């Protein structure tokens, strides 16, 4: 499903225009992003939790040459599904 498909589904379910649905979705995504940047965690009860985690620096290999390379530490966003979402997907 693409963002455009999601906008259509939101518009249909909420009985609003596609433009309003897109604004709502964009506002939601912006809020998720800013919350993760500031606080590092966002919990949507029943749906799941978005968490920013630190990935340590490590040594990797270039698959073409086999040469060892250093992969720097970085932050990644992980999603942990909630019970209601897990049950719905089963």
C-alpha atoms as a PDB file:
ATOM      1  CA  UNK A   1       0.000   0.000   0.000  1.00  0.00           C
ATOM      2  CA  UNK A   2       1.315   3.439  -0.902  1.00  0.00           C
ATOM      3  CA  UNK A   3       0.761   6.734   0.868  1.00  0.00           C
ATOM      4  CA  UNK A   4      -1.785   7.698  -1.808  1.00  0.00           C
ATOM      5  CA  UNK A   5      -3.705   4.449  -1.189  1.00  0.00           C
ATOM      6  CA  UNK A   6      -3.662   5.138   2.544  1.00  0.00           C
ATOM      7  CA  UNK A   7      -5.031   8.647   1.989  1.00  0.00           C
ATOM      8  CA  UNK A   8      -7.936   7.195  -0.020  1.00  0.00           C
ATOM      9  CA  UNK A   9      -8.697   4.625   2.715  1.00  0.00           C
ATOM     10  CA  UNK A  10      -8.606   7.303   5.447  1.00  0.00           C
ATOM     11  CA  UNK A  11     -10.888   9.560   3.406  1.00  0.00           C
ATOM     12  CA  UNK A  12     -13.397   6.739   2.908  1.00  0.00           C
ATOM     13  CA  UNK A  13     -13.386   5.548   6.536  1.00  0.00           C
ATOM     14  CA  UNK A  14     -13.565   9.040   8.069  1.00  0.00           C
ATOM     15  CA  UNK A  15     -15.983  10.342   5.418  1.00  0.00           C
ATOM     16  CA  UNK A  16     -13.761  13.328   4.607  1.00  0.00           C
ATOM     17  CA  UNK A  17     -12.157  14.662   1.435  1.00  0.00           C
ATOM     18  CA  UNK A  18      -8.880  13.256   0.167  1.00  0.00           C
ATOM     19  CA  UNK A  19      -7.254  16.658   0.739  1.00  0.00           C
ATOM     20  CA  UNK A  20      -8.301  16.658   4.399  1.00  0.00           C
ATOM     21  CA  UNK A  21      -7.203  13.038   4.789  1.00  0.00           C
ATOM     22  CA  UNK A  22      -3.806  13.863   3.308  1.00  0.00           C
ATOM     23  CA  UNK A  23      -3.398  16.846   5.658  1.00  0.00           C
ATOM     24  CA  UNK A  24      -4.328  14.643   8.624  1.00  0.00           C
ATOM     25  CA  UNK A  25      -1.892  11.914   7.578  1.00  0.00           C
ATOM     26  CA  UNK A  26       0.913  14.433   7.022  1.00  0.00           C
ATOM     27  CA  UNK A  27       0.222  15.988  10.432  1.00  0.00           C
ATOM     28  CA  UNK A  28       0.350  12.533  12.028  1.00  0.00           C
ATOM     29  CA  UNK A  29       3.629  11.647  10.310  1.00  0.00           C
ATOM     30  CA  UNK A  30       5.200  15.002  11.232  1.00  0.00           C
ATOM     31  CA  UNK A  31       4.137  14.529  14.844  1.00  0.00           C
ATOM     32  CA  UNK A  32       5.568  11.002  14.970  1.00  0.00           C
ATOM     33  CA  UNK A  33       8.856  12.248  13.523  1.00  0.00           C
ATOM     34  CA  UNK A  34       9.190  15.224  15.879  1.00  0.00           C
ATOM     35  CA  UNK A  35       8.257  13.096  18.917  1.00  0.00           C
ATOM     36  CA  UNK A  36      10.878  10.482  18.039  1.00  0.00           C
ATOM     37  CA  UNK A  37      13.520  13.183  17.568  1.00  0.00           C
ATOM     38  CA  UNK A  38      12.709  14.858  20.910  1.00  0.00           C
ATOM     39  CA  UNK A  39      11.717  11.943  23.134  1.00  0.00           C
ATOM     40  CA  UNK A  40      12.964   8.803  21.356  1.00  0.00           C
ATOM     41  CA  UNK A  41       9.748   6.857  21.948  1.00  0.00           C
ATOM     42  CA  UNK A  42       6.106   6.984  20.852  1.00  0.00           C
ATOM     43  CA  UNK A  43       3.518   4.533  22.163  1.00  0.00           C
ATOM     44  CA  UNK A  44       0.137   4.073  20.486  1.00  0.00           C
ATOM     45  CA  UNK A  45      -1.715   1.831  22.916  1.00  0.00           C
ATOM     46  CA  UNK A  46      -2.934  -1.345  21.253  1.00  0.00           C
ATOM     47  CA  UNK A  47      -1.159  -0.538  17.986  1.00  0.00           C
ATOM     48  CA  UNK A  48       2.498  -0.508  18.950  1.00  0.00           C
ATOM     49  CA  UNK A  49       5.571   1.456  19.952  1.00  0.00           C
ATOM     50  CA  UNK A  50       8.107   3.314  17.832  1.00  0.00           C
ATOM     51  CA  UNK A  51      11.524   3.467  19.538  1.00  0.00           C
ATOM     52  CA  UNK A  52      14.799   5.132  18.538  1.00  0.00           C
ATOM     53  CA  UNK A  53      17.708   2.839  19.357  1.00  0.00           C
ATOM     54  CA  UNK A  54      21.447   3.284  19.083  1.00  0.00           C
ATOM     55  CA  UNK A  55      23.240   0.865  16.799  1.00  0.00           C
ATOM     56  CA  UNK A  56      26.883   0.389  17.842  1.00  0.00           C
ATOM     57  CA  UNK A  57      29.818   0.885  15.492  1.00  0.00           C
ATOM     58  CA  UNK A  58      30.961  -2.379  13.999  1.00  0.00           C
ATOM     59  CA  UNK A  59      33.286  -3.907  11.451  1.00  0.00           C
ATOM     60  CA  UNK A  60      31.819  -5.085   8.166  1.00  0.00           C
ATOM     61  CA  UNK A  61      33.104  -6.358   4.841  1.00  0.00           C
ATOM     62  CA  UNK A  62      32.842  -4.971   1.358  1.00  0.00           C
ATOM     63  CA  UNK A  63      31.107  -7.848  -0.489  1.00  0.00           C
ATOM     64  CA  UNK A  64      32.992  -7.175  -3.732  1.00  0.00           C
ATOM     65  CA  UNK A  65      36.529  -6.947  -2.396  1.00  0.00           C
ATOM     66  CA  UNK A  66      36.275  -8.668   0.981  1.00  0.00           C
ATOM     67  CA  UNK A  67      38.020  -5.640   2.494  1.00  0.00           C
ATOM     68  CA  UNK A  68      37.161  -4.840   6.104  1.00  0.00           C
ATOM     69  CA  UNK A  69      35.361  -1.545   6.622  1.00  0.00           C
ATOM     70  CA  UNK A  70      34.248   0.337   9.705  1.00  0.00           C
ATOM     71  CA  UNK A  71      30.517   0.930   9.947  1.00  0.00           C
ATOM     72  CA  UNK A  72      29.860   3.949  12.190  1.00  0.00           C
ATOM     73  CA  UNK A  73      27.388   4.037  15.065  1.00  0.00           C
ATOM     74  CA  UNK A  74      23.936   5.273  14.071  1.00  0.00           C
ATOM     75  CA  UNK A  75      20.419   5.670  15.351  1.00  0.00           C
ATOM     76  CA  UNK A  76      17.613   3.533  13.935  1.00  0.00           C
ATOM     77  CA  UNK A  77      13.842   3.557  14.420  1.00  0.00           C
ATOM     78  CA  UNK A  78      12.298   0.252  15.421  1.00  0.00           C
ATOM     79  CA  UNK A  79       8.636  -0.666  15.682  1.00  0.00           C
ATOM     80  CA  UNK A  80       7.272  -3.120  18.213  1.00  0.00           C
ATOM     81  CA  UNK A  81       3.675  -4.138  17.475  1.00  0.00           C
ATOM     82  CA  UNK A  82       1.119  -4.078  20.294  1.00  0.00           C
ATOM     83  CA  UNK A  83      -1.109  -6.967  21.328  1.00  0.00           C
ATOM     84  CA  UNK A  84      -4.179  -5.768  19.409  1.00  0.00           C
ATOM     85  CA  UNK A  85      -2.185  -5.427  16.180  1.00  0.00           C
ATOM     86  CA  UNK A  86      -0.533  -8.823  16.653  1.00  0.00           C
ATOM     87  CA  UNK A  87      -3.918 -10.455  17.246  1.00  0.00           C
ATOM     88  CA  UNK A  88      -5.461  -8.733  14.207  1.00  0.00           C
ATOM     89  CA  UNK A  89      -2.681  -9.955  11.909  1.00  0.00           C
ATOM     90  CA  UNK A  90      -2.848 -13.604  13.067  1.00  0.00           C
END
